[in-house]
Amino acid sequence: MEAAAPLHTPRVRVVPDGVQIDNLLVVDECALRLVRERQEAGDDPIKAILDAIEIGARVLDREQTAANAEFVKAEFEKVSRSVEAEFGERARAVSEGLERQISEVFGPENGHLAKAFERYFSDESSAAVQHRVHALVTEVMAKSRNDLLKQFSGDDAANPLAGFQKATLAIVRDASDRQDKRMQGVMEQMTAIQLELQQLRDGEESAAALAQERERGTAKGRTYEEGVLDAIDAIAAAQGDSCVGVGDTPGADGKKGDVIVEIDGAHGPARGRIVFEAKNSKLSRPAALLELDAAIASRDADYAVLVVPSEEHLPAKSHQLRELNGDKLFVIYDPAEDSAGRLGLEVAYSLARARVTAKRGGSEGIDTTAIGELVERAIASLEQVRTVKTHLTKAKGSIEDARGLVEAMSTTVREHLDELDRLARVGVASQD
């Protein structure tokens, strides 16, 4: 902007809200062009002049601020260099003093701390702390050991452990005597148990020998049917009935049925027939009933009994000694069992014989209700027999467990005796 050339002397006054300018002429090509363009465009020329003044004022203010900032920066850098130089000198002096003091205190050869460590912790120094502590501990331990030996070895009234020693020896002797008595009782019980175990072993060996004989008999050709035939023949002979094995003999309708019993056939004409079918395999319930019906038809029998070796061989959802259709039943018999295992077969034989006798001889004079009650009682007793046999089998296992328990008890008792003997020796040595 060029200098103003006023026609009259201009006046500038500062008022509360701005600056008042009178008689001011601005001779500036840029300002002239700006005002002319604004005026031609229809704008207010006064506003254009005011904008130019305001913008120019702000530019001047920024330039003045930048000039002040550069001055302050230059002054700050000058002061900073002076402070930095003075601080460096002081820091160097402090560092040299601190290094000298550290060397005097912590120097590895002539430092005060190294000399103190050498005096109080060196192995060559008699005043070292570890030597003094070791000597003090050695003295205290020797005195404590002597005092403890006096307490355990002295038996005068002044020793607080004298009464405890005497009481302990008395208790040990009393416990040893009681333990000897208990051991005598235990040894007697062990002897009795060993005798019982020996008897059980003998019984087991006899049973094993019997089982081997039975296996040898089976190996020679004895079948399950032959075992059933022998049992039924023994029962029939006691009743005066005749018993015939017909498993290999065809009947009227094939080889159905293995054993035929003729009631009272040993003394005269038979009063009825019972057919027994022995099966060492499991049949379904319908197949078993068909098998028995075929056996009745083939052997002209009045009653049929299916004999199987175990509960697993019974038809599904069936029980032994339960009559079916009034002329059939199932029963369990294992030839390998003892005479008690034949009870079920005897019950089945007696029930079938009673039914056939009643059927052939008429029901007059025969109490069918009493027969049924007797059969139920016999079945209940047979279940009790089976329960007892199960308990006996479990008892055999319990006896084996008892044998192991007795051996463990013997080992424990011997350990207690060794401990008592050791305590007694210690007590006697202390008393001596």
Protein backbone atom coordinates (compact mmCIF):
# COMPACT_ATOMS: atom_id res chain seq x y z
CA MET A 1 0.00 0.00 0.00
CA GLU A 2 1.37 3.40 -0.95
CA ALA A 3 1.42 6.44 1.38
CA ALA A 4 -1.77 8.43 1.58
CA ALA A 5 -1.86 11.99 0.17
CA PRO A 6 -4.63 13.81 2.01
CA LEU A 7 -6.30 16.98 0.63
CA HIS A 8 -6.79 18.22 4.10
CA THR A 9 -4.98 17.32 7.25
CA PRO A 10 -6.37 13.88 8.24
CA ARG A 11 -7.50 13.14 11.76
CA VAL A 12 -7.49 9.74 13.43
CA ARG A 13 -9.42 9.22 16.66
CA VAL A 14 -9.79 6.10 18.77
CA VAL A 15 -13.38 5.59 19.89
CA PRO A 16 -14.65 2.85 22.26
CA ASP A 17 -15.77 0.54 19.41
CA GLY A 18 -13.21 1.36 16.70
CA VAL A 19 -11.07 4.00 14.91
CA GLN A 20 -12.53 7.16 13.23
CA ILE A 21 -10.59 8.61 10.24
CA ASP A 22 -11.45 12.01 8.74
CA ASN A 23 -10.18 13.61 5.47
CA LEU A 24 -8.11 10.52 4.45
CA LEU A 25 -7.24 9.99 0.72
CA VAL A 26 -5.74 6.63 -0.24
CA VAL A 27 -3.69 6.70 -3.43
CA ASP A 28 -3.08 3.01 -4.23
CA GLU A 29 -3.60 1.27 -7.54
CA CYS A 30 -4.64 -2.04 -5.90
CA ALA A 31 -7.09 -0.31 -3.56
CA LEU A 32 -8.47 1.75 -6.45
CA ARG A 33 -9.04 -1.32 -8.61
CA LEU A 34 -10.65 -3.26 -5.72
CA VAL A 35 -13.10 -0.43 -4.92
CA ARG A 36 -13.93 0.15 -8.60
CA GLU A 37 -14.66 -3.57 -9.19
CA ARG A 38 -16.81 -3.80 -6.12
CA GLN A 39 -18.69 -0.65 -7.06
CA GLU A 40 -19.28 -1.90 -10.62
CA ALA A 41 -20.47 -5.19 -9.20
CA GLY A 42 -23.01 -3.34 -7.10
CA ASP A 43 -21.35 -3.83 -3.74
CA ASP A 44 -20.81 -1.20 -1.12
CA PRO A 45 -17.39 0.46 -1.70
CA ILE A 46 -17.18 1.46 1.94
CA LYS A 47 -17.37 -2.23 2.98
CA ALA A 48 -14.54 -3.04 0.57
CA ILE A 49 -12.37 -0.27 2.12
CA LEU A 50 -13.19 -1.54 5.63
CA ASP A 51 -12.30 -5.13 4.66
CA ALA A 52 -8.99 -3.94 3.24
CA ILE A 53 -8.19 -2.02 6.42
CA GLU A 54 -9.13 -4.95 8.67
CA ILE A 55 -7.14 -7.46 6.64
CA GLY A 56 -4.14 -5.19 6.51
CA ALA A 57 -4.35 -4.63 10.27
CA ARG A 58 -4.31 -8.37 10.92
CA VAL A 59 -1.33 -8.86 8.60
CA LEU A 60 0.59 -6.12 10.38
CA ASP A 61 -0.30 -7.64 13.76
CA ARG A 62 0.98 -11.08 12.70
CA GLU A 63 4.21 -9.62 11.36
CA GLN A 64 4.75 -7.74 14.62
CA THR A 65 4.06 -10.93 16.64
CA ALA A 66 6.51 -12.94 14.52
CA ALA A 67 9.13 -10.26 15.01
CA ASN A 68 8.61 -10.38 18.79
CA ALA A 69 8.80 -14.23 18.78
CA GLU A 70 12.10 -14.19 16.90
CA PHE A 71 13.49 -11.74 19.44
CA VAL A 72 12.36 -13.88 22.37
CA LYS A 73 13.81 -17.01 20.73
CA ALA A 74 17.16 -15.34 20.20
CA GLU A 75 17.25 -14.13 23.80
CA PHE A 76 16.26 -17.61 25.09
CA GLU A 77 18.99 -19.34 23.09
CA LYS A 78 21.52 -16.88 24.43
CA VAL A 79 20.49 -17.47 28.05
CA SER A 80 20.30 -21.26 27.46
CA ARG A 81 23.86 -21.43 26.20
CA SER A 82 25.01 -19.53 29.25
CA VAL A 83 23.09 -21.79 31.68
CA GLU A 84 24.28 -24.94 29.89
CA ALA A 85 27.91 -23.91 30.17
CA GLU A 86 27.55 -23.03 33.87
CA PHE A 87 25.65 -26.29 34.61
CA GLY A 88 28.28 -28.39 32.80
CA GLU A 89 31.03 -26.92 34.95
CA ARG A 90 29.12 -27.55 38.16
CA ALA A 91 28.12 -31.11 37.10
CA ARG A 92 31.73 -31.93 36.28
CA ALA A 93 32.85 -30.73 39.72
CA VAL A 94 30.09 -32.70 41.47
CA SER A 95 30.89 -35.85 39.45
CA GLU A 96 34.58 -35.66 40.32
CA GLY A 97 33.77 -35.21 44.03
CA LEU A 98 31.25 -38.08 44.04
CA GLU A 99 33.68 -40.39 42.23
CA ARG A 100 36.38 -39.59 44.77
CA GLN A 101 34.05 -40.30 47.72
CA ILE A 102 32.79 -43.59 46.17
CA SER A 103 36.35 -44.69 45.62
CA GLU A 104 37.18 -43.95 49.24
CA VAL A 105 34.19 -46.00 50.52
CA PHE A 106 33.79 -48.81 47.97
CA GLY A 107 37.32 -49.13 46.55
CA PRO A 108 38.26 -52.82 46.09
CA GLU A 109 41.65 -52.42 47.80
CA ASN A 110 41.71 -49.34 50.03
CA GLY A 111 37.97 -48.65 50.46
CA HIS A 112 36.52 -48.39 53.94
CA LEU A 113 33.87 -51.05 53.15
CA ALA A 114 36.44 -53.54 51.82
CA LYS A 115 38.52 -53.10 54.96
CA ALA A 116 35.43 -53.67 57.18
CA PHE A 117 34.49 -56.83 55.27
CA GLU A 118 38.07 -58.05 55.51
CA ARG A 119 38.04 -57.52 59.24
CA TYR A 120 34.65 -59.03 60.11
CA PHE A 121 34.10 -61.73 57.44
CA SER A 122 37.54 -62.88 56.26
CA ASP A 123 38.56 -66.46 57.14
CA GLU A 124 42.02 -65.18 58.16
CA SER A 125 40.58 -62.74 60.73
CA SER A 126 40.09 -64.06 64.24
CA ALA A 127 37.39 -61.47 64.84
CA ALA A 128 35.35 -62.67 61.83
CA VAL A 129 31.60 -63.03 62.52
CA GLN A 130 31.34 -66.63 61.27
CA HIS A 131 34.17 -67.77 63.53
CA ARG A 132 32.58 -66.16 66.55
CA VAL A 133 29.12 -67.61 65.69
CA HIS A 134 30.61 -71.08 65.10
CA ALA A 135 32.43 -71.00 68.43
CA LEU A 136 29.29 -69.83 70.25
CA VAL A 137 27.06 -72.50 68.62
CA THR A 138 29.61 -75.24 69.37
CA GLU A 139 29.71 -74.22 73.02
CA VAL A 140 25.90 -74.10 73.34
CA MET A 141 25.41 -77.46 71.56
CA ALA A 142 28.00 -79.18 73.76
CA LYS A 143 26.34 -77.84 76.90
CA SER A 144 22.85 -78.87 75.66
CA ARG A 145 24.07 -82.35 74.76
CA ASN A 146 25.63 -82.83 78.20
CA ASP A 147 22.45 -81.60 79.90
CA LEU A 148 20.29 -83.95 77.80
CA LEU A 149 22.51 -86.94 78.56
CA LYS A 150 22.29 -86.19 82.26
CA GLN A 151 18.49 -86.05 82.07
CA PHE A 152 18.19 -89.38 80.24
CA SER A 153 20.82 -91.22 82.28
CA GLY A 154 20.27 -89.81 85.78
CA ASP A 155 17.79 -91.54 88.10
CA ASP A 156 17.82 -89.15 91.05
CA ALA A 157 14.77 -87.18 92.14
CA ALA A 158 16.17 -83.97 90.65
CA ASN A 159 15.95 -85.42 87.13
CA PRO A 160 12.48 -84.62 85.68
CA LEU A 161 12.71 -87.62 83.30
CA ALA A 162 13.52 -90.25 85.95
CA GLY A 163 9.88 -90.93 86.78
CA PHE A 164 8.99 -90.97 83.09
CA GLN A 165 11.69 -93.59 82.40
CA LYS A 166 10.47 -95.87 85.17
CA ALA A 167 6.84 -95.49 84.14
CA THR A 168 7.70 -96.18 80.48
CA LEU A 169 9.62 -99.36 81.36
CA ALA A 170 6.72 -100.57 83.51
CA ILE A 171 4.24 -99.88 80.71
CA VAL A 172 6.45 -101.66 78.16
CA ARG A 173 6.79 -104.73 80.38
CA ASP A 174 3.04 -104.79 81.07
CA ALA A 175 2.25 -104.38 77.36
CA SER A 176 4.70 -107.16 76.53
CA ASP A 177 3.01 -109.52 79.00
CA ARG A 178 -0.45 -108.71 77.67
CA GLN A 179 0.79 -109.09 74.11
CA ASP A 180 2.22 -112.52 74.94
CA LYS A 181 -1.16 -113.62 76.28
CA ARG A 182 -2.94 -112.26 73.22
CA MET A 183 -0.44 -113.96 70.97
CA GLN A 184 -1.07 -117.28 72.66
CA GLY A 185 -4.82 -116.83 72.06
CA VAL A 186 -4.21 -115.78 68.46
CA MET A 187 -1.94 -118.76 67.86
CA GLU A 188 -4.61 -121.10 69.24
CA GLN A 189 -7.21 -119.52 66.98
CA MET A 190 -4.83 -119.72 64.04
CA THR A 191 -4.24 -123.40 64.75
CA ALA A 192 -8.01 -124.03 64.80
CA ILE A 193 -8.49 -122.04 61.59
CA GLN A 194 -5.64 -123.92 59.91
CA LEU A 195 -7.31 -127.20 60.83
CA GLU A 196 -10.59 -125.98 59.35
CA LEU A 197 -8.80 -124.77 56.24
CA GLN A 198 -7.08 -128.13 55.89
CA GLN A 199 -10.45 -129.86 56.13
CA LEU A 200 -11.81 -127.53 53.48
CA ARG A 201 -8.80 -128.24 51.27
CA ASP A 202 -9.37 -131.96 51.69
CA GLY A 203 -13.04 -131.47 50.79
CA GLU A 204 -12.11 -129.39 47.75
CA GLU A 205 -9.58 -131.98 46.63
CA SER A 206 -12.22 -134.72 47.02
CA ALA A 207 -14.70 -132.63 45.02
CA ALA A 208 -12.07 -131.98 42.37
CA ALA A 209 -11.26 -135.69 42.18
CA LEU A 210 -14.97 -136.47 41.86
CA ALA A 211 -15.32 -133.87 39.12
CA GLN A 212 -12.37 -135.39 37.30
CA GLU A 213 -13.97 -138.82 37.54
CA ARG A 214 -17.16 -137.38 36.10
CA GLU A 215 -15.24 -135.69 33.32
CA ARG A 216 -13.48 -138.97 32.55
CA GLY A 217 -16.87 -140.66 32.44
CA THR A 218 -18.14 -138.00 30.05
CA ALA A 219 -15.01 -138.43 27.94
CA LYS A 220 -15.76 -142.15 27.70
CA GLY A 221 -19.12 -141.38 26.05
CA ARG A 222 -21.52 -140.49 28.91
CA THR A 223 -23.97 -137.81 27.76
CA TYR A 224 -26.32 -135.50 29.59
CA GLU A 225 -29.23 -137.78 28.61
CA GLU A 226 -27.50 -140.76 30.22
CA GLY A 227 -26.99 -138.81 33.46
CA VAL A 228 -30.70 -137.89 33.52
CA LEU A 229 -31.61 -141.53 32.81
CA ASP A 230 -29.55 -142.78 35.78
CA ALA A 231 -31.19 -140.28 38.15
CA ILE A 232 -34.74 -141.06 36.98
CA ASP A 233 -34.06 -144.80 37.14
CA ALA A 234 -33.01 -144.47 40.81
CA ILE A 235 -36.16 -142.48 41.63
CA ALA A 236 -38.41 -144.91 39.73
CA ALA A 237 -36.91 -147.96 41.46
CA ALA A 238 -37.83 -146.47 44.86
CA GLN A 239 -41.45 -145.97 43.68
CA GLY A 240 -41.89 -149.43 42.12
CA ASP A 241 -42.04 -147.92 38.63
CA SER A 242 -40.21 -149.09 35.53
CA CYS A 243 -37.78 -146.80 33.69
CA VAL A 244 -36.55 -147.25 30.12
CA GLY A 245 -34.19 -145.10 28.04
CA VAL A 246 -35.69 -144.71 24.56
CA GLY A 247 -33.63 -141.84 23.14
CA ASP A 248 -32.27 -144.02 20.33
CA THR A 249 -35.50 -145.98 19.78
CA PRO A 250 -38.06 -144.51 17.34
CA GLY A 251 -41.60 -144.09 18.62
CA ALA A 252 -44.89 -143.69 16.84
CA ASP A 253 -43.82 -140.25 15.60
CA GLY A 254 -40.05 -140.28 15.50
CA LYS A 255 -37.38 -140.22 18.21
CA LYS A 256 -39.11 -137.82 20.58
CA GLY A 257 -38.55 -138.34 24.33
CA ASP A 258 -35.48 -139.77 26.04
CA VAL A 259 -36.85 -141.62 29.10
CA ILE A 260 -40.20 -143.35 29.65
CA VAL A 261 -41.48 -144.15 33.14
CA GLU A 262 -44.37 -146.58 33.54
CA ILE A 263 -46.13 -146.09 36.88
CA ASP A 264 -46.24 -149.35 38.93
CA GLY A 265 -44.74 -151.06 35.88
CA ALA A 266 -42.27 -153.01 38.05
CA HIS A 267 -45.10 -155.02 39.71
CA GLY A 268 -47.71 -155.38 37.01
CA PRO A 269 -49.60 -153.52 34.30
CA ALA A 270 -48.68 -149.86 34.08
CA ARG A 271 -51.20 -147.27 35.31
CA GLY A 272 -49.84 -144.50 33.15
CA ARG A 273 -46.78 -143.16 31.37
CA ILE A 274 -44.46 -140.19 31.93
CA VAL A 275 -42.01 -139.14 29.24
CA PHE A 276 -38.84 -137.12 30.08
CA GLU A 277 -37.08 -135.03 27.45
CA ALA A 278 -33.44 -134.14 28.38
CA LYS A 279 -32.04 -131.05 26.62
CA ASN A 280 -28.51 -129.71 27.07
CA SER A 281 -29.37 -126.67 24.91
CA LYS A 282 -31.79 -123.77 25.29
CA LEU A 283 -35.16 -123.79 23.50
CA SER A 284 -37.71 -121.04 23.16
CA ARG A 285 -40.93 -121.50 25.13
CA PRO A 286 -43.09 -122.37 22.08
CA ALA A 287 -40.44 -124.77 20.77
CA ALA A 288 -40.18 -126.47 24.18
CA LEU A 289 -43.97 -126.96 24.38
CA LEU A 290 -44.03 -128.37 20.85
CA GLU A 291 -41.17 -130.73 21.78
CA LEU A 292 -43.08 -132.03 24.81
CA ASP A 293 -46.35 -132.39 22.87
CA ALA A 294 -44.51 -134.40 20.22
CA ALA A 295 -42.91 -136.59 22.93
CA ILE A 296 -46.35 -137.30 24.50
CA ALA A 297 -47.74 -138.25 21.09
CA SER A 298 -44.73 -140.33 20.05
CA ARG A 299 -44.47 -142.29 23.34
CA ASP A 300 -48.21 -142.51 24.12
CA ALA A 301 -47.55 -140.75 27.45
CA ASP A 302 -49.86 -138.93 29.82
CA TYR A 303 -47.36 -136.34 31.07
CA ALA A 304 -44.11 -134.80 29.76
CA VAL A 305 -41.19 -133.25 31.65
CA LEU A 306 -38.40 -131.14 30.07
CA VAL A 307 -35.08 -131.55 31.98
CA VAL A 308 -32.31 -128.91 31.53
CA PRO A 309 -28.95 -128.55 33.33
CA SER A 310 -29.26 -124.90 34.57
CA GLU A 311 -31.47 -121.83 34.78
CA GLU A 312 -29.75 -120.44 31.69
CA HIS A 313 -31.14 -123.39 29.70
CA LEU A 314 -34.76 -122.79 30.77
CA PRO A 315 -37.00 -121.31 28.07
CA ALA A 316 -37.38 -117.55 28.29
CA LYS A 317 -39.89 -116.23 30.87
CA SER A 318 -40.27 -119.72 32.37
CA HIS A 319 -39.76 -121.16 35.85
CA GLN A 320 -39.03 -124.69 36.87
CA LEU A 321 -41.71 -126.87 38.48
CA ARG A 322 -44.55 -124.71 37.12
CA GLU A 323 -47.14 -126.84 35.29
CA LEU A 324 -48.09 -125.91 31.74
CA ASN A 325 -51.43 -126.95 30.17
CA GLY A 326 -51.91 -129.44 33.03
CA ASP A 327 -49.60 -132.09 31.52
CA LYS A 328 -46.16 -130.47 31.12
CA LEU A 329 -43.49 -128.82 33.25
CA PHE A 330 -39.82 -127.82 33.22
CA VAL A 331 -37.18 -128.83 35.79
CA ILE A 332 -33.45 -128.23 36.37
CA TYR A 333 -31.06 -131.13 37.02
CA ASP A 334 -27.27 -131.20 36.75
CA PRO A 335 -25.73 -134.71 37.01
CA ALA A 336 -22.47 -133.12 38.26
CA GLU A 337 -24.12 -131.95 41.50
CA ASP A 338 -24.52 -134.00 44.66
CA SER A 339 -27.70 -135.72 45.87
CA ALA A 340 -29.16 -132.40 47.04
CA GLY A 341 -29.11 -131.22 43.42
CA ARG A 342 -31.49 -134.08 42.51
CA LEU A 343 -34.31 -132.74 44.71
CA GLY A 344 -35.83 -130.70 41.89
CA LEU A 345 -36.00 -133.78 39.66
CA GLU A 346 -37.59 -135.80 42.48
CA VAL A 347 -40.25 -133.10 42.99
CA ALA A 348 -41.01 -133.03 39.24
CA TYR A 349 -41.23 -136.85 39.18
CA SER A 350 -43.60 -136.96 42.16
CA LEU A 351 -45.85 -134.21 40.75
CA ALA A 352 -46.06 -135.87 37.32
CA ARG A 353 -46.75 -139.28 38.93
CA ALA A 354 -49.55 -137.80 41.07
CA ARG A 355 -51.16 -136.11 38.06
CA VAL A 356 -51.05 -139.28 35.94
CA THR A 357 -52.36 -141.46 38.79
CA ALA A 358 -55.27 -139.06 39.36
CA LYS A 359 -56.03 -138.95 35.64
CA ARG A 360 -55.94 -142.73 35.06
CA GLY A 361 -57.51 -143.81 38.35
CA GLY A 362 -60.13 -141.08 38.63
CA SER A 363 -60.13 -138.16 41.01
CA GLU A 364 -62.19 -139.90 43.71
CA GLY A 365 -60.28 -140.31 46.96
CA ILE A 366 -57.44 -138.03 45.77
CA ASP A 367 -57.09 -134.67 47.46
CA THR A 368 -55.85 -132.50 44.59
CA THR A 369 -55.74 -129.44 46.86
CA ALA A 370 -53.43 -131.23 49.28
CA ILE A 371 -51.28 -132.35 46.35
CA GLY A 372 -51.00 -128.77 45.15
CA GLU A 373 -50.09 -127.49 48.63
CA LEU A 374 -47.48 -130.20 49.06
CA VAL A 375 -45.99 -129.34 45.70
CA GLU A 376 -45.83 -125.64 46.62
CA ARG A 377 -44.15 -126.46 49.94
CA ALA A 378 -41.71 -128.73 48.15
CA ILE A 379 -40.88 -125.96 45.66
CA ALA A 380 -40.36 -123.48 48.52
CA SER A 381 -38.10 -125.94 50.34
CA LEU A 382 -36.19 -126.51 47.12
CA GLU A 383 -35.59 -122.75 46.81
CA GLN A 384 -34.29 -122.74 50.38
CA VAL A 385 -31.91 -125.55 49.48
CA ARG A 386 -30.63 -123.53 46.52
CA THR A 387 -30.21 -120.46 48.75
CA VAL A 388 -28.22 -122.46 51.29
CA LYS A 389 -26.01 -123.87 48.55
CA THR A 390 -25.36 -120.33 47.29
CA HIS A 391 -24.39 -119.25 50.81
CA LEU A 392 -22.07 -122.25 51.11
CA THR A 393 -20.38 -121.29 47.86
CA LYS A 394 -19.92 -117.73 49.12
CA ALA A 395 -18.70 -119.06 52.47
CA LYS A 396 -15.98 -120.99 50.68
CA GLY A 397 -14.76 -117.73 49.17
CA SER A 398 -14.99 -116.01 52.56
CA ILE A 399 -12.88 -118.77 54.11
CA GLU A 400 -10.22 -118.16 51.48
CA ASP A 401 -10.34 -114.46 52.32
CA ALA A 402 -10.08 -115.35 56.02
CA ARG A 403 -7.00 -117.39 55.28
CA GLY A 404 -5.32 -114.37 53.71
CA LEU A 405 -6.50 -112.20 56.62
CA VAL A 406 -5.00 -114.63 59.15
CA GLU A 407 -1.69 -114.57 57.33
CA ALA A 408 -1.74 -110.75 57.29
CA MET A 409 -2.60 -110.73 61.01
CA SER A 410 0.30 -113.05 61.70
CA THR A 411 2.69 -110.74 59.88
CA THR A 412 1.33 -107.72 61.80
CA VAL A 413 1.63 -109.52 65.14
CA ARG A 414 5.23 -110.47 64.39
CA GLU A 415 5.98 -106.84 63.54
CA HIS A 416 4.42 -105.74 66.86
CA LEU A 417 6.51 -108.31 68.72
CA ASP A 418 9.68 -107.10 67.04
CA GLU A 419 8.81 -103.50 67.96
CA LEU A 420 8.09 -104.49 71.58
CA ASP A 421 11.36 -106.37 71.77
CA ARG A 422 13.20 -103.34 70.40
CA LEU A 423 11.53 -101.01 72.92
CA ALA A 424 12.32 -103.39 75.76
CA ARG A 425 16.00 -103.54 74.74
CA VAL A 426 16.16 -99.73 74.59
CA GLY A 427 14.51 -99.47 78.03
CA VAL A 428 16.86 -102.00 79.61
CA ALA A 429 19.89 -100.29 78.06
CA SER A 430 18.75 -96.94 79.45
CA GLN A 431 18.22 -98.46 82.89
CA ASP A 432 21.71 -99.99 82.88
